[in-house]
C-alpha cells in the first residue's frame, strides 16, 4: 500500500471515530433534555388536575341548588343568624346576671343581719282585745286570767275574791289605807286595749305560770302570773 492510500485510510478511520463520538455526545444531551422535560411534566400534570377540580367546583357552585339543598342552606343561615344574635346578647345577659347575684347577696346579707340583730319573736298564745273582755269562769288558767281582767275593768271585788287566794287579794287590796283601790285598778286596766298571754309554763299538776302582757303604761312589761288549782278552780296566787 502506498503512503497516499495509507493516509486516506487513516483519515477515514479518524473521521468515523469523530462522528461516533459526536453522535454519542448528542445522544447523551438529548437524553438529559428528555429527562428534564419529563421531570417538569410531573408538576404540570398535578397543576392540570387541580385546575380541572377547581373548575368543577366553580361550575357546581354556579349551578342552581335543589329544593332540599336550598332548604338546608336557609336553615343553616337562620341558625347562624340566631347564634349571632344570641352572641350579641351575651354581654347584656351577663350584666343582668351579675346584677341579680348582687341583689340576691344584698337580700341574703340583710336577712342574716336581721336574724343576728334580734331573735325571732314568738307569736302570743292568745290575744284578748278589750271588746272581748268578759267573765269566763275559773276552769283553766286562761279562763281565770280573762275573768280577773274583766273584774278589774269593772271594779268587781266579788269576782276578785273568787279568782284569787286570800293571800294574793290581801297583798293587792288589803294594804290600802285610804281611797278605793278597786276603782284605781279599774281606771288603770281600762287604759289597755288588749291583753296577751305570751306563754304558759306548767310548773306542776296544780300550778301554772302565765306570762302575760298589756299595752298600756305599767302593763307593757311581761308579768309572770302564778295560778294554782284549788278544788278544781284556778286561782291567782301572785307574781314570780
Protein backbone atom coordinates (compact mmCIF):
# COMPACT_ATOMS: atom_id res chain seq x y z
CA UNK A 1 0.00 0.00 0.00
CA UNK A 2 1.35 3.36 -0.94
CA UNK A 3 1.71 6.10 1.59
CA UNK A 4 -1.09 8.00 -0.06
CA UNK A 5 -3.57 5.19 0.35
CA UNK A 6 -2.46 4.67 3.93
CA UNK A 7 -3.02 8.30 4.72
CA UNK A 8 -6.51 8.15 3.18
CA UNK A 9 -7.44 5.09 5.24
CA UNK A 10 -6.21 6.70 8.45
CA UNK A 11 -8.18 9.80 7.64
CA UNK A 12 -11.34 7.78 7.08
CA UNK A 13 -10.92 5.94 10.41
CA UNK A 14 -10.31 9.19 12.24
CA UNK A 15 -13.41 10.74 10.65
CA UNK A 16 -15.55 7.75 11.60
CA UNK A 17 -14.30 7.85 15.20
CA UNK A 18 -15.01 11.57 15.45
CA UNK A 19 -18.51 11.11 14.03
CA UNK A 20 -19.24 8.28 16.51
CA UNK A 21 -18.04 10.45 19.40
CA UNK A 22 -20.18 13.37 18.26
CA UNK A 23 -23.25 11.10 17.94
CA UNK A 24 -22.74 9.69 21.48
CA UNK A 25 -22.46 13.21 22.90
CA UNK A 26 -25.63 14.29 21.06
CA UNK A 27 -27.49 11.23 22.31
CA UNK A 28 -26.43 11.97 25.91
CA UNK A 29 -27.55 15.60 25.56
CA UNK A 30 -30.95 14.54 24.19
CA UNK A 31 -31.43 12.02 26.99
CA UNK A 32 -30.66 14.70 29.58
CA UNK A 33 -33.05 17.12 27.90
CA UNK A 34 -35.76 14.41 27.77
CA UNK A 35 -35.31 13.60 31.47
CA UNK A 36 -35.51 17.30 32.36
CA UNK A 37 -38.72 17.72 30.35
CA UNK A 38 -40.28 14.64 31.98
CA UNK A 39 -39.42 15.96 35.48
CA UNK A 40 -41.14 19.23 34.61
CA UNK A 41 -44.19 17.46 33.22
CA UNK A 42 -44.94 15.83 36.65
CA UNK A 43 -45.87 19.09 38.50
CA UNK A 44 -47.63 20.34 35.39
CA UNK A 45 -49.85 17.26 35.45
CA UNK A 46 -50.70 17.92 39.10
CA UNK A 47 -51.49 21.54 38.35
CA UNK A 48 -53.69 20.50 35.47
CA UNK A 49 -55.58 18.09 37.76
CA UNK A 50 -56.08 20.85 40.36
CA UNK A 51 -57.29 23.22 37.65
CA UNK A 52 -59.85 20.68 36.50
CA UNK A 53 -61.04 20.03 40.09
CA UNK A 54 -61.40 23.74 40.85
CA UNK A 55 -63.19 24.31 37.58
CA UNK A 56 -65.70 21.60 38.50
CA UNK A 57 -66.27 23.20 41.92
CA UNK A 58 -66.90 26.58 40.31
CA UNK A 59 -69.42 25.02 37.97
CA UNK A 60 -71.15 23.25 40.86
CA UNK A 61 -71.26 26.45 42.89
CA UNK A 62 -72.90 28.31 40.00
CA UNK A 63 -75.38 25.54 39.38
CA UNK A 64 -78.91 26.04 40.92
CA UNK A 65 -79.48 24.23 44.24
CA UNK A 66 -82.07 21.51 44.61
CA UNK A 67 -85.08 22.10 46.86
CA UNK A 68 -83.61 20.06 49.68
CA UNK A 69 -80.23 21.79 49.39
CA UNK A 70 -81.89 25.20 49.30
CA UNK A 71 -83.94 24.41 52.45
CA UNK A 72 -80.85 23.16 54.24
CA UNK A 73 -78.95 26.32 53.23
CA UNK A 74 -81.77 28.54 54.53
CA UNK A 75 -81.90 26.56 57.79
CA UNK A 76 -78.18 26.92 58.31
CA UNK A 77 -78.34 30.64 57.58
CA UNK A 78 -81.19 31.00 60.09
CA UNK A 79 -79.29 29.14 62.79
CA UNK A 80 -76.21 31.22 62.11
CA UNK A 81 -78.24 34.43 62.42
CA UNK A 82 -79.80 33.24 65.67
CA UNK A 83 -76.39 32.34 67.08
CA UNK A 84 -75.08 35.77 66.12
CA UNK A 85 -78.00 37.45 67.91
CA UNK A 86 -77.55 35.28 71.00
CA UNK A 87 -73.84 36.01 70.98
CA UNK A 88 -74.57 39.74 70.82
CA UNK A 89 -76.90 39.37 73.83
CA UNK A 90 -74.28 37.62 75.97
CA UNK A 91 -72.76 40.82 77.44
CA UNK A 92 -76.22 42.15 78.39
CA UNK A 93 -77.26 38.82 79.91
CA UNK A 94 -74.01 38.63 81.85
CA UNK A 95 -74.58 42.13 83.20
CA UNK A 96 -78.14 41.23 84.28
CA UNK A 97 -76.86 38.04 85.88
CA UNK A 98 -74.26 40.00 87.84
CA UNK A 99 -76.94 42.47 88.99
CA UNK A 100 -79.23 39.65 90.13
CA UNK A 101 -76.38 37.98 92.01
CA UNK A 102 -75.58 41.28 93.73
CA UNK A 103 -79.26 41.81 94.67
CA UNK A 104 -79.53 38.26 95.98
CA UNK A 105 -76.40 38.70 98.09
CA UNK A 106 -77.69 42.00 99.47
CA UNK A 107 -81.02 40.40 100.40
CA UNK A 108 -79.23 37.45 101.99
CA UNK A 109 -76.94 39.77 103.96
CA UNK A 110 -79.91 41.84 105.12
CA UNK A 111 -81.79 38.73 106.22
CA UNK A 112 -78.76 37.44 108.09
CA UNK A 113 -78.31 40.83 109.72
CA UNK A 114 -81.92 40.85 110.88
CA UNK A 115 -81.63 37.34 112.27
CA UNK A 116 -78.42 38.21 114.06
CA UNK A 117 -79.64 41.55 115.38
CA UNK A 118 -82.70 40.27 117.20
CA UNK A 119 -84.15 36.86 118.00
CA UNK A 120 -87.35 35.80 116.33
CA UNK A 121 -90.47 36.91 118.23
CA UNK A 122 -92.75 34.04 119.07
CA UNK A 123 -96.43 34.70 118.40
CA UNK A 124 -98.60 35.00 121.54
CA UNK A 125 -100.63 32.05 122.72
CA UNK A 126 -103.75 34.19 122.98
CA UNK A 127 -104.85 37.79 122.36
CA UNK A 128 -107.83 39.32 124.19
CA UNK A 129 -108.89 42.69 122.78
CA UNK A 130 -110.89 44.93 125.10
CA UNK A 131 -114.14 44.23 123.23
CA UNK A 132 -113.82 40.53 124.17
CA UNK A 133 -113.25 41.03 127.92
CA UNK A 134 -115.85 39.01 129.80
CA UNK A 135 -116.32 36.70 132.73
CA UNK A 136 -115.03 33.24 131.62
CA UNK A 137 -115.04 31.28 134.89
CA UNK A 138 -112.05 29.64 136.55
CA UNK A 139 -111.89 26.21 134.91
CA UNK A 140 -108.50 26.90 133.29
CA UNK A 141 -105.64 29.34 133.97
CA UNK A 142 -106.51 31.20 130.75
CA UNK A 143 -110.19 31.49 131.81
CA UNK A 144 -109.17 32.74 135.27
CA UNK A 145 -106.89 35.34 133.65
CA UNK A 146 -109.75 36.63 131.46
CA UNK A 147 -112.21 36.70 134.36
CA UNK A 148 -109.82 38.66 136.59
CA UNK A 149 -109.14 41.21 133.84
CA UNK A 150 -112.89 41.65 133.36
CA UNK A 151 -113.35 42.01 137.13
CA UNK A 152 -110.59 44.63 137.27
CA UNK A 153 -112.13 46.60 134.38
CA UNK A 154 -115.44 46.67 136.29
CA UNK A 155 -114.08 47.03 139.87
CA UNK A 156 -115.87 43.78 140.71
CA UNK A 157 -114.32 42.82 144.07
CA UNK A 158 -116.51 39.73 144.46
CA UNK A 159 -115.05 38.19 141.29
CA UNK A 160 -111.59 39.15 142.52
CA UNK A 161 -112.27 37.28 145.74
CA UNK A 162 -113.46 34.24 143.79
CA UNK A 163 -110.44 34.23 141.45
CA UNK A 164 -107.66 34.87 143.96
CA UNK A 165 -106.22 33.21 147.02
CA UNK A 166 -106.80 35.24 150.21
CA UNK A 167 -103.07 35.99 150.42
CA UNK A 168 -102.99 37.44 146.88
CA UNK A 169 -106.13 39.50 147.48
CA UNK A 170 -104.75 40.85 150.74
CA UNK A 171 -101.48 41.79 149.07
CA UNK A 172 -103.28 43.61 146.25
CA UNK A 173 -106.03 45.40 148.19
CA UNK A 174 -105.58 44.92 151.93
CA UNK A 175 -102.75 47.37 152.45
CA UNK A 176 -104.61 50.40 151.09
CA UNK A 177 -105.02 52.95 153.88
CA UNK A 178 -107.45 55.19 152.06
CA UNK A 179 -109.25 55.63 148.77
CA UNK A 180 -110.73 52.88 146.65
CA UNK A 181 -108.03 50.56 145.24
CA UNK A 182 -110.55 48.67 143.12
CA UNK A 183 -111.55 51.89 141.31
CA UNK A 184 -107.91 52.86 140.87
CA UNK A 185 -107.18 49.47 139.32
CA UNK A 186 -110.27 49.78 137.11
CA UNK A 187 -109.01 53.10 135.70
CA UNK A 188 -105.58 51.66 135.02
CA UNK A 189 -106.84 48.41 133.48
CA UNK A 190 -109.18 50.24 131.12
CA UNK A 191 -106.24 52.14 129.62
CA UNK A 192 -105.30 48.89 127.85
CA UNK A 193 -106.81 47.99 124.50
CA UNK A 194 -105.83 44.34 124.76
CA UNK A 195 -104.13 41.72 126.90
CA UNK A 196 -101.96 38.88 125.64
CA UNK A 197 -100.83 35.57 127.01
CA UNK A 198 -97.32 35.25 125.63
CA UNK A 199 -96.53 31.80 127.03
CA UNK A 200 -97.58 29.27 129.63
CA UNK A 201 -95.31 27.11 131.77
CA UNK A 202 -96.64 24.10 133.66
CA UNK A 203 -94.86 24.01 137.00
CA UNK A 204 -96.80 21.04 138.40
CA UNK A 205 -100.18 19.38 138.05
CA UNK A 206 -101.67 22.09 140.26
CA UNK A 207 -99.58 25.13 139.38
CA UNK A 208 -99.09 27.04 136.13
CA UNK A 209 -97.13 30.18 135.29
CA UNK A 210 -98.79 32.51 132.75
CA UNK A 211 -96.59 35.09 131.05
CA UNK A 212 -98.99 37.99 130.28
CA UNK A 213 -98.72 41.47 128.77
CA UNK A 214 -100.89 44.56 128.25
CA UNK A 215 -100.31 47.58 126.02
CA UNK A 216 -100.78 50.48 128.46
CA UNK A 217 -98.12 52.06 130.62
CA UNK A 218 -97.45 49.88 133.62
CA UNK A 219 -98.73 46.76 131.87
CA UNK A 220 -96.42 46.66 128.81
CA UNK A 221 -93.74 44.68 130.62
CA UNK A 222 -94.37 40.92 130.72
CA UNK A 223 -95.73 39.77 134.07
CA UNK A 224 -95.24 36.21 135.33
CA UNK A 225 -98.55 35.32 136.97
CA UNK A 226 -98.89 32.13 139.01
CA UNK A 227 -102.21 30.27 139.04
CA UNK A 228 -102.93 27.33 141.36
CA UNK A 229 -105.66 24.72 141.08
CA UNK A 230 -107.66 24.70 144.32
CA UNK A 231 -110.65 22.34 144.45
CA UNK A 232 -110.96 22.39 140.63
CA UNK A 233 -110.79 26.18 140.35
CA UNK A 234 -107.70 28.02 139.10
CA UNK A 235 -106.87 30.97 141.34
CA UNK A 236 -104.27 33.72 141.05
CA UNK A 237 -101.66 33.37 143.81
CA UNK A 238 -99.21 36.15 142.97
CA UNK A 239 -96.32 37.06 140.65
CA UNK A 240 -92.95 35.46 140.33
